[in-house]
C-alpha atoms as a PDB file:
ATOM      1  CA  UNK A   1      13.897  43.240  -5.531  1.00  0.00           C
ATOM      2  CA  UNK A   2      13.920  40.907  -2.500  1.00  0.00           C
ATOM      3  CA  UNK A   3      10.470  39.450  -2.854  1.00  0.00           C
ATOM      4  CA  UNK A   4       9.610  40.781   0.718  1.00  0.00           C
ATOM      5  CA  UNK A   5       6.968  43.020   2.151  1.00  0.00           C
ATOM      6  CA  UNK A   6       8.142  46.794   2.392  1.00  0.00           C
ATOM      7  CA  UNK A   7       7.910  46.844   6.024  1.00  0.00           C
ATOM      8  CA  UNK A   8      10.805  44.333   6.395  1.00  0.00           C
ATOM      9  CA  UNK A   9      14.019  45.935   7.513  1.00  0.00           C
ATOM     10  CA  UNK A  10      15.941  42.696   8.583  1.00  0.00           C
ATOM     11  CA  UNK A  11      16.487  39.093   7.388  1.00  0.00           C
ATOM     12  CA  UNK A  12      16.985  36.117   9.972  1.00  0.00           C
ATOM     13  CA  UNK A  13      18.520  33.195   7.895  1.00  0.00           C
ATOM     14  CA  UNK A  14      18.303  29.582   9.175  1.00  0.00           C
ATOM     15  CA  UNK A  15      21.694  28.006   8.000  1.00  0.00           C
ATOM     16  CA  UNK A  16      21.165  24.365   7.385  1.00  0.00           C
ATOM     17  CA  UNK A  17      19.176  24.015   4.152  1.00  0.00           C
ATOM     18  CA  UNK A  18      18.828  27.689   3.648  1.00  0.00           C
ATOM     19  CA  UNK A  19      22.082  29.210   3.367  1.00  0.00           C
ATOM     20  CA  UNK A  20      24.131  25.932   3.033  1.00  0.00           C
ATOM     21  CA  UNK A  21      23.436  22.186   2.286  1.00  0.00           C
ATOM     22  CA  UNK A  22      24.574  21.169   5.613  1.00  0.00           C
ATOM     23  CA  UNK A  23      20.888  19.784   6.130  1.00  0.00           C
ATOM     24  CA  UNK A  24      22.271  16.810   4.025  1.00  0.00           C
ATOM     25  CA  UNK A  25      25.208  16.296   6.489  1.00  0.00           C
ATOM     26  CA  UNK A  26      23.072  16.694   9.509  1.00  0.00           C
ATOM     27  CA  UNK A  27      20.513  13.948   8.106  1.00  0.00           C
ATOM     28  CA  UNK A  28      23.476  11.552   7.218  1.00  0.00           C
ATOM     29  CA  UNK A  29      24.696  12.080  10.824  1.00  0.00           C
ATOM     30  CA  UNK A  30      21.254  11.511  12.536  1.00  0.00           C
ATOM     31  CA  UNK A  31      20.618   8.454  10.243  1.00  0.00           C
ATOM     32  CA  UNK A  32      23.968   6.720  11.152  1.00  0.00           C
ATOM     33  CA  UNK A  33      23.787   7.544  14.617  1.00  0.00           C
ATOM     34  CA  UNK A  34      20.170   6.393  15.124  1.00  0.00           C
ATOM     35  CA  UNK A  35      20.291   3.328  12.924  1.00  0.00           C
ATOM     36  CA  UNK A  36      23.289   1.921  14.986  1.00  0.00           C
ATOM     37  CA  UNK A  37      21.374   2.741  18.084  1.00  0.00           C
ATOM     38  CA  UNK A  38      17.971   1.175  16.895  1.00  0.00           C
ATOM     39  CA  UNK A  39      19.638  -1.868  15.675  1.00  0.00           C
ATOM     40  CA  UNK A  40      20.710  -2.668  19.053  1.00  0.00           C
ATOM     41  CA  UNK A  41      17.078  -2.205  20.314  1.00  0.00           C
ATOM     42  CA  UNK A  42      15.567  -4.374  17.634  1.00  0.00           C
ATOM     43  CA  UNK A  43      13.747  -1.458  16.192  1.00  0.00           C
ATOM     44  CA  UNK A  44      13.091  -0.211  12.645  1.00  0.00           C
ATOM     45  CA  UNK A  45      15.534   1.855  11.048  1.00  0.00           C
ATOM     46  CA  UNK A  46      15.407   5.707  11.192  1.00  0.00           C
ATOM     47  CA  UNK A  47      13.612   7.282   8.277  1.00  0.00           C
ATOM     48  CA  UNK A  48      15.546  10.044   6.813  1.00  0.00           C
ATOM     49  CA  UNK A  49      12.487  11.819   5.274  1.00  0.00           C
ATOM     50  CA  UNK A  50       9.704  11.415   7.882  1.00  0.00           C
ATOM     51  CA  UNK A  51      11.457  10.806  11.073  1.00  0.00           C
ATOM     52  CA  UNK A  52      14.239  13.727  10.037  1.00  0.00           C
ATOM     53  CA  UNK A  53      11.413  16.227   9.283  1.00  0.00           C
ATOM     54  CA  UNK A  54       9.003  15.368  11.820  1.00  0.00           C
ATOM     55  CA  UNK A  55      11.164  14.880  15.071  1.00  0.00           C
ATOM     56  CA  UNK A  56      14.767  16.408  14.617  1.00  0.00           C
ATOM     57  CA  UNK A  57      15.049  18.924  11.879  1.00  0.00           C
ATOM     58  CA  UNK A  58      15.862  22.593  12.989  1.00  0.00           C
ATOM     59  CA  UNK A  59      15.830  21.551  16.778  1.00  0.00           C
ATOM     60  CA  UNK A  60      18.745  21.610  19.341  1.00  0.00           C
ATOM     61  CA  UNK A  61      20.440  18.091  19.306  1.00  0.00           C
ATOM     62  CA  UNK A  62      19.148  17.048  22.586  1.00  0.00           C
ATOM     63  CA  UNK A  63      15.585  18.006  21.810  1.00  0.00           C
ATOM     64  CA  UNK A  64      15.751  16.061  18.589  1.00  0.00           C
ATOM     65  CA  UNK A  65      17.093  12.988  20.329  1.00  0.00           C
ATOM     66  CA  UNK A  66      14.359  13.347  23.035  1.00  0.00           C
ATOM     67  CA  UNK A  67      11.488  13.792  20.571  1.00  0.00           C
ATOM     68  CA  UNK A  68      12.457  11.148  18.205  1.00  0.00           C
ATOM     69  CA  UNK A  69      12.952   8.503  21.065  1.00  0.00           C
ATOM     70  CA  UNK A  70       9.766   9.520  22.408  1.00  0.00           C
ATOM     71  CA  UNK A  71       8.067   8.696  19.024  1.00  0.00           C
ATOM     72  CA  UNK A  72       9.438   5.248  19.271  1.00  0.00           C
ATOM     73  CA  UNK A  73       8.510   4.911  22.893  1.00  0.00           C
ATOM     74  CA  UNK A  74      12.121   4.676  24.331  1.00  0.00           C
ATOM     75  CA  UNK A  75      13.081   6.530  27.362  1.00  0.00           C
ATOM     76  CA  UNK A  76      16.744   7.419  28.362  1.00  0.00           C
ATOM     77  CA  UNK A  77      18.302   9.202  31.098  1.00  0.00           C
ATOM     78  CA  UNK A  78      18.857  12.880  30.293  1.00  0.00           C
ATOM     79  CA  UNK A  79      22.612  12.826  31.022  1.00  0.00           C
ATOM     80  CA  UNK A  80      24.598  16.145  30.963  1.00  0.00           C
ATOM     81  CA  UNK A  81      26.133  18.162  28.055  1.00  0.00           C
ATOM     82  CA  UNK A  82      29.535  16.600  28.853  1.00  0.00           C
ATOM     83  CA  UNK A  83      28.435  13.099  28.333  1.00  0.00           C
ATOM     84  CA  UNK A  84      30.953  11.143  26.024  1.00  0.00           C
ATOM     85  CA  UNK A  85      29.353   9.912  22.613  1.00  0.00           C
ATOM     86  CA  UNK A  86      29.416   6.445  23.862  1.00  0.00           C
ATOM     87  CA  UNK A  87      27.115   7.072  26.794  1.00  0.00           C
ATOM     88  CA  UNK A  88      23.482   5.907  26.314  1.00  0.00           C
ATOM     89  CA  UNK A  89      21.728   9.113  27.511  1.00  0.00           C
ATOM     90  CA  UNK A  90      19.739  11.926  25.802  1.00  0.00           C
ATOM     91  CA  UNK A  91      23.063  14.185  25.376  1.00  0.00           C
ATOM     92  CA  UNK A  92      25.388  11.082  24.953  1.00  0.00           C
ATOM     93  CA  UNK A  93      23.418  10.359  21.640  1.00  0.00           C
ATOM     94  CA  UNK A  94      23.287  13.967  20.766  1.00  0.00           C
ATOM     95  CA  UNK A  95      27.185  14.378  21.027  1.00  0.00           C
ATOM     96  CA  UNK A  96      27.536  11.038  19.228  1.00  0.00           C
ATOM     97  CA  UNK A  97      25.480  12.474  16.245  1.00  0.00           C
ATOM     98  CA  UNK A  98      27.570  15.935  16.618  1.00  0.00           C
ATOM     99  CA  UNK A  99      30.946  13.739  16.344  1.00  0.00           C
ATOM    100  CA  UNK A 100      29.671  12.390  12.948  1.00  0.00           C
ATOM    101  CA  UNK A 101      28.878  15.920  11.738  1.00  0.00           C
ATOM    102  CA  UNK A 102      32.200  16.974  12.497  1.00  0.00           C
ATOM    103  CA  UNK A 103      33.829  14.006  10.833  1.00  0.00           C
ATOM    104  CA  UNK A 104      31.714  14.917   7.548  1.00  0.00           C
ATOM    105  CA  UNK A 105      32.359  18.629   7.717  1.00  0.00           C
ATOM    106  CA  UNK A 106      36.252  17.744   8.146  1.00  0.00           C
ATOM    107  CA  UNK A 107      35.957  16.000   4.852  1.00  0.00           C
ATOM    108  CA  UNK A 108      35.603  19.421   3.194  1.00  0.00           C
ATOM    109  CA  UNK A 109      34.013  20.452  -0.028  1.00  0.00           C
ATOM    110  CA  UNK A 110      31.154  22.279   1.692  1.00  0.00           C
ATOM    111  CA  UNK A 111      29.935  25.395  -0.277  1.00  0.00           C
ATOM    112  CA  UNK A 112      26.914  27.606   0.203  1.00  0.00           C
ATOM    113  CA  UNK A 113      23.993  27.620  -2.034  1.00  0.00           C
ATOM    114  CA  UNK A 114      24.973  30.217  -4.679  1.00  0.00           C
ATOM    115  CA  UNK A 115      21.729  31.949  -5.055  1.00  0.00           C
ATOM    116  CA  UNK A 116      21.779  32.296  -1.181  1.00  0.00           C
ATOM    117  CA  UNK A 117      24.964  34.084  -1.276  1.00  0.00           C
ATOM    118  CA  UNK A 118      23.398  36.311  -3.954  1.00  0.00           C
ATOM    119  CA  UNK A 119      20.448  37.108  -1.828  1.00  0.00           C
ATOM    120  CA  UNK A 120      22.781  37.790   1.207  1.00  0.00           C
ATOM    121  CA  UNK A 121      24.825  40.375  -1.017  1.00  0.00           C
ATOM    122  CA  UNK A 122      21.602  41.932  -2.334  1.00  0.00           C
ATOM    123  CA  UNK A 123      20.096  42.126   1.214  1.00  0.00           C
ATOM    124  CA  UNK A 124      23.214  43.934   2.595  1.00  0.00           C
ATOM    125  CA  UNK A 125      23.281  46.224  -0.599  1.00  0.00           C
ATOM    126  CA  UNK A 126      19.597  47.106   0.025  1.00  0.00           C
ATOM    127  CA  UNK A 127      20.477  48.195   3.584  1.00  0.00           C
ATOM    128  CA  UNK A 128      18.642  45.100   5.347  1.00  0.00           C
ATOM    129  CA  UNK A 129      19.929  43.977   8.665  1.00  0.00           C
ATOM    130  CA  UNK A 130      21.224  40.129   8.723  1.00  0.00           C
ATOM    131  CA  UNK A 131      21.628  37.380  11.183  1.00  0.00           C
ATOM    132  CA  UNK A 132      22.021  33.695  11.025  1.00  0.00           C
ATOM    133  CA  UNK A 133      19.715  31.652  13.517  1.00  0.00           C
ATOM    134  CA  UNK A 134      20.588  28.072  13.988  1.00  0.00           C
ATOM    135  CA  UNK A 135      20.294  25.312  16.403  1.00  0.00           C
ATOM    136  CA  UNK A 136      23.659  24.185  15.486  1.00  0.00           C
ATOM    137  CA  UNK A 137      26.629  24.442  17.738  1.00  0.00           C
ATOM    138  CA  UNK A 138      28.819  24.250  14.646  1.00  0.00           C
ATOM    139  CA  UNK A 139      27.290  27.456  12.919  1.00  0.00           C
ATOM    140  CA  UNK A 140      30.453  29.610  13.426  1.00  0.00           C
ATOM    141  CA  UNK A 141      32.573  26.950  11.895  1.00  0.00           C
ATOM    142  CA  UNK A 142      30.293  26.556   8.780  1.00  0.00           C
ATOM    143  CA  UNK A 143      29.920  30.266   8.171  1.00  0.00           C
ATOM    144  CA  UNK A 144      33.464  31.261   8.213  1.00  0.00           C
ATOM    145  CA  UNK A 145      34.683  28.235   6.427  1.00  0.00           C
ATOM    146  CA  UNK A 146      32.126  29.077   3.633  1.00  0.00           C
ATOM    147  CA  UNK A 147      32.817  32.829   3.584  1.00  0.00           C
ATOM    148  CA  UNK A 148      29.230  33.816   4.185  1.00  0.00           C
ATOM    149  CA  UNK A 149      30.029  35.334   7.698  1.00  0.00           C
ATOM    150  CA  UNK A 150      31.071  38.616   5.857  1.00  0.00           C
ATOM    151  CA  UNK A 151      27.230  39.200   5.025  1.00  0.00           C
ATOM    152  CA  UNK A 152      25.944  38.344   8.346  1.00  0.00           C
ATOM    153  CA  UNK A 153      25.856  40.983  11.291  1.00  0.00           C
ATOM    154  CA  UNK A 154      25.110  38.533  14.201  1.00  0.00           C
ATOM    155  CA  UNK A 155      24.790  34.875  15.071  1.00  0.00           C
ATOM    156  CA  UNK A 156      22.349  33.164  17.414  1.00  0.00           C
ATOM    157  CA  UNK A 157      23.013  29.475  17.359  1.00  0.00           C
ATOM    158  CA  UNK A 158      23.421  26.283  19.483  1.00  0.00           C
ATOM    159  CA  UNK A 159      26.177  27.930  21.529  1.00  0.00           C
ATOM    160  CA  UNK A 160      24.081  30.829  22.242  1.00  0.00           C
ATOM    161  CA  UNK A 161      21.161  28.804  23.395  1.00  0.00           C
ATOM    162  CA  UNK A 162      23.201  26.802  25.974  1.00  0.00           C
ATOM    163  CA  UNK A 163      25.078  30.171  27.113  1.00  0.00           C
ATOM    164  CA  UNK A 164      21.735  32.256  27.380  1.00  0.00           C
ATOM    165  CA  UNK A 165      19.385  29.362  28.421  1.00  0.00           C
ATOM    166  CA  UNK A 166      17.270  30.008  25.526  1.00  0.00           C
ATOM    167  CA  UNK A 167      14.502  27.626  24.181  1.00  0.00           C
ATOM    168  CA  UNK A 168      15.142  26.027  20.818  1.00  0.00           C
ATOM    169  CA  UNK A 169      13.090  25.869  17.939  1.00  0.00           C
ATOM    170  CA  UNK A 170       9.957  25.587  17.652  1.00  0.00           C
ATOM    171  CA  UNK A 171       9.994  28.117  20.508  1.00  0.00           C
ATOM    172  CA  UNK A 172      10.637  31.730  18.851  1.00  0.00           C
ATOM    173  CA  UNK A 173      13.248  32.608  21.513  1.00  0.00           C
ATOM    174  CA  UNK A 174      16.270  32.305  19.151  1.00  0.00           C
ATOM    175  CA  UNK A 175      14.750  34.448  16.540  1.00  0.00           C
ATOM    176  CA  UNK A 176      13.462  37.071  19.069  1.00  0.00           C
ATOM    177  CA  UNK A 177      17.163  37.208  20.486  1.00  0.00           C
ATOM    178  CA  UNK A 178      18.562  37.877  16.851  1.00  0.00           C
ATOM    179  CA  UNK A 179      15.934  40.607  16.415  1.00  0.00           C
ATOM    180  CA  UNK A 180      16.753  42.153  19.855  1.00  0.00           C
ATOM    181  CA  UNK A 181      20.544  42.242  19.000  1.00  0.00           C
ATOM    182  CA  UNK A 182      19.808  43.808  15.564  1.00  0.00           C
ATOM    183  CA  UNK A 183      17.454  46.335  17.244  1.00  0.00           C
ATOM    184  CA  UNK A 184      14.346  45.564  15.241  1.00  0.00           C
ATOM    185  CA  UNK A 185      10.892  44.496  15.890  1.00  0.00           C
ATOM    186  CA  UNK A 186       9.757  41.048  14.999  1.00  0.00           C
ATOM    187  CA  UNK A 187       7.051  42.530  12.904  1.00  0.00           C
ATOM    188  CA  UNK A 188       9.875  44.279  10.634  1.00  0.00           C
ATOM    189  CA  UNK A 189      11.762  41.191  10.318  1.00  0.00           C
ATOM    190  CA  UNK A 190      11.631  38.136   7.884  1.00  0.00           C
ATOM    191  CA  UNK A 191      12.507  34.528   8.992  1.00  0.00           C
ATOM    192  CA  UNK A 192      14.020  32.104   6.438  1.00  0.00           C
ATOM    193  CA  UNK A 193      13.399  28.346   7.232  1.00  0.00           C
ATOM    194  CA  UNK A 194      13.440  25.183   5.767  1.00  0.00           C
ATOM    195  CA  UNK A 195      12.470  23.119   8.969  1.00  0.00           C
ATOM    196  CA  UNK A 196       8.997  22.873  10.186  1.00  0.00           C
ATOM    197  CA  UNK A 197      10.055  23.593  13.641  1.00  0.00           C
ATOM    198  CA  UNK A 198      11.893  26.721  12.255  1.00  0.00           C
ATOM    199  CA  UNK A 199       8.746  27.941  10.476  1.00  0.00           C
ATOM    200  CA  UNK A 200       6.691  27.484  13.557  1.00  0.00           C
ATOM    201  CA  UNK A 201       9.243  29.386  15.682  1.00  0.00           C
ATOM    202  CA  UNK A 202       8.915  32.191  13.314  1.00  0.00           C
ATOM    203  CA  UNK A 203       5.176  32.231  13.089  1.00  0.00           C
ATOM    204  CA  UNK A 204       5.138  32.098  17.035  1.00  0.00           C
ATOM    205  CA  UNK A 205       7.483  35.232  17.181  1.00  0.00           C
ATOM    206  CA  UNK A 206       5.315  37.282  14.958  1.00  0.00           C
ATOM    207  CA  UNK A 207       7.776  37.376  11.996  1.00  0.00           C
ATOM    208  CA  UNK A 208       7.183  37.332   8.310  1.00  0.00           C
ATOM    209  CA  UNK A 209       8.191  33.810   7.286  1.00  0.00           C
ATOM    210  CA  UNK A 210       9.635  32.532   4.154  1.00  0.00           C
ATOM    211  CA  UNK A 211       9.548  28.675   3.998  1.00  0.00           C
ATOM    212  CA  UNK A 212      12.355  27.084   1.937  1.00  0.00           C
ATOM    213  CA  UNK A 213      11.308  23.733   0.371  1.00  0.00           C
ATOM    214  CA  UNK A 214      14.468  21.695  -0.741  1.00  0.00           C
ATOM    215  CA  UNK A 215      12.783  18.446  -0.064  1.00  0.00           C
ATOM    216  CA  UNK A 216       9.770  18.385  -2.511  1.00  0.00           C
ATOM    217  CA  UNK A 217       6.794  16.208  -2.167  1.00  0.00           C
ATOM    218  CA  UNK A 218       4.269  17.511   0.490  1.00  0.00           C
ATOM    219  CA  UNK A 219       6.974  19.612   2.372  1.00  0.00           C
ATOM    220  CA  UNK A 220       5.861  22.868   0.780  1.00  0.00           C
ATOM    221  CA  UNK A 221       2.433  22.164   2.064  1.00  0.00           C
ATOM    222  CA  UNK A 222       3.633  21.317   5.494  1.00  0.00           C
ATOM    223  CA  UNK A 223       5.590  24.514   5.674  1.00  0.00           C
ATOM    224  CA  UNK A 224       2.549  26.724   4.712  1.00  0.00           C
ATOM    225  CA  UNK A 225       0.430  24.720   7.235  1.00  0.00           C
ATOM    226  CA  UNK A 226       2.838  25.389  10.028  1.00  0.00           C
ATOM    227  CA  UNK A 227       2.819  29.162   9.189  1.00  0.00           C
ATOM    228  CA  UNK A 228       5.040  30.175   6.327  1.00  0.00           C
ATOM    229  CA  UNK A 229       3.696  33.342   4.665  1.00  0.00           C
ATOM    230  CA  UNK A 230       5.357  32.145   1.293  1.00  0.00           C
ATOM    231  CA  UNK A 231       7.204  29.022   0.198  1.00  0.00           C
ATOM    232  CA  UNK A 232      10.073  28.841  -2.481  1.00  0.00           C
ATOM    233  CA  UNK A 233      12.208  26.070  -3.448  1.00  0.00           C
ATOM    234  CA  UNK A 234      15.324  28.435  -3.553  1.00  0.00           C
ATOM    235  CA  UNK A 235      15.995  31.902  -2.538  1.00  0.00           C
ATOM    236  CA  UNK A 236      16.614  32.825  -6.005  1.00  0.00           C
ATOM    237  CA  UNK A 237      12.938  32.775  -6.722  1.00  0.00           C
ATOM    238  CA  UNK A 238      12.667  35.983  -4.747  1.00  0.00           C
ATOM    239  CA  UNK A 239      15.410  37.863  -6.661  1.00  0.00           C
END
């Protein structure tokens, strides 16, 4: 009924791009922030397809900043989590990006993918355990404002990563933490991810991995290459 192997008893969902279209918001925010920064450095603009997918998608903000800047040969001081958005540090740029995300979220109109809501409902009806696992520090705001929190038993997100000292994706720590909270073994849980870093994290943790391709092109092949057991364009394909 849910397109999963019989041994799966829990579903661990990424948020952005799997349950909600916030990946579009994050992409816009990353692009706006980096384009402003790169222009001042005389560098080419941020590529919202390749740069986004290869360096920042699915990762904690500071890791995304660090990895993308390294791809351009740019080095900045690490700074601290409390750096203001105007600070030219790793954390400062990350906070600048997050400020833009919050502006976009405040504009309203964000709705979850309808088929993802149906999938959540069916999973709960089938007795499967559920969790949201996201690198975003805004996860609680998004799941409550869209109403999908009612289908999710636990949440491991950017706030959890910081509070518990977890490694972000592509490390498997966040998925392993969610499985621990649900009381299930990784081998009995499925990870749903649209980001290459998230798929790699699921594979590294020993989970069954469902790749969600909302990008098109060669992204489906890349998801499979990085460890997805199956790839769908939408969760509705699994119903």
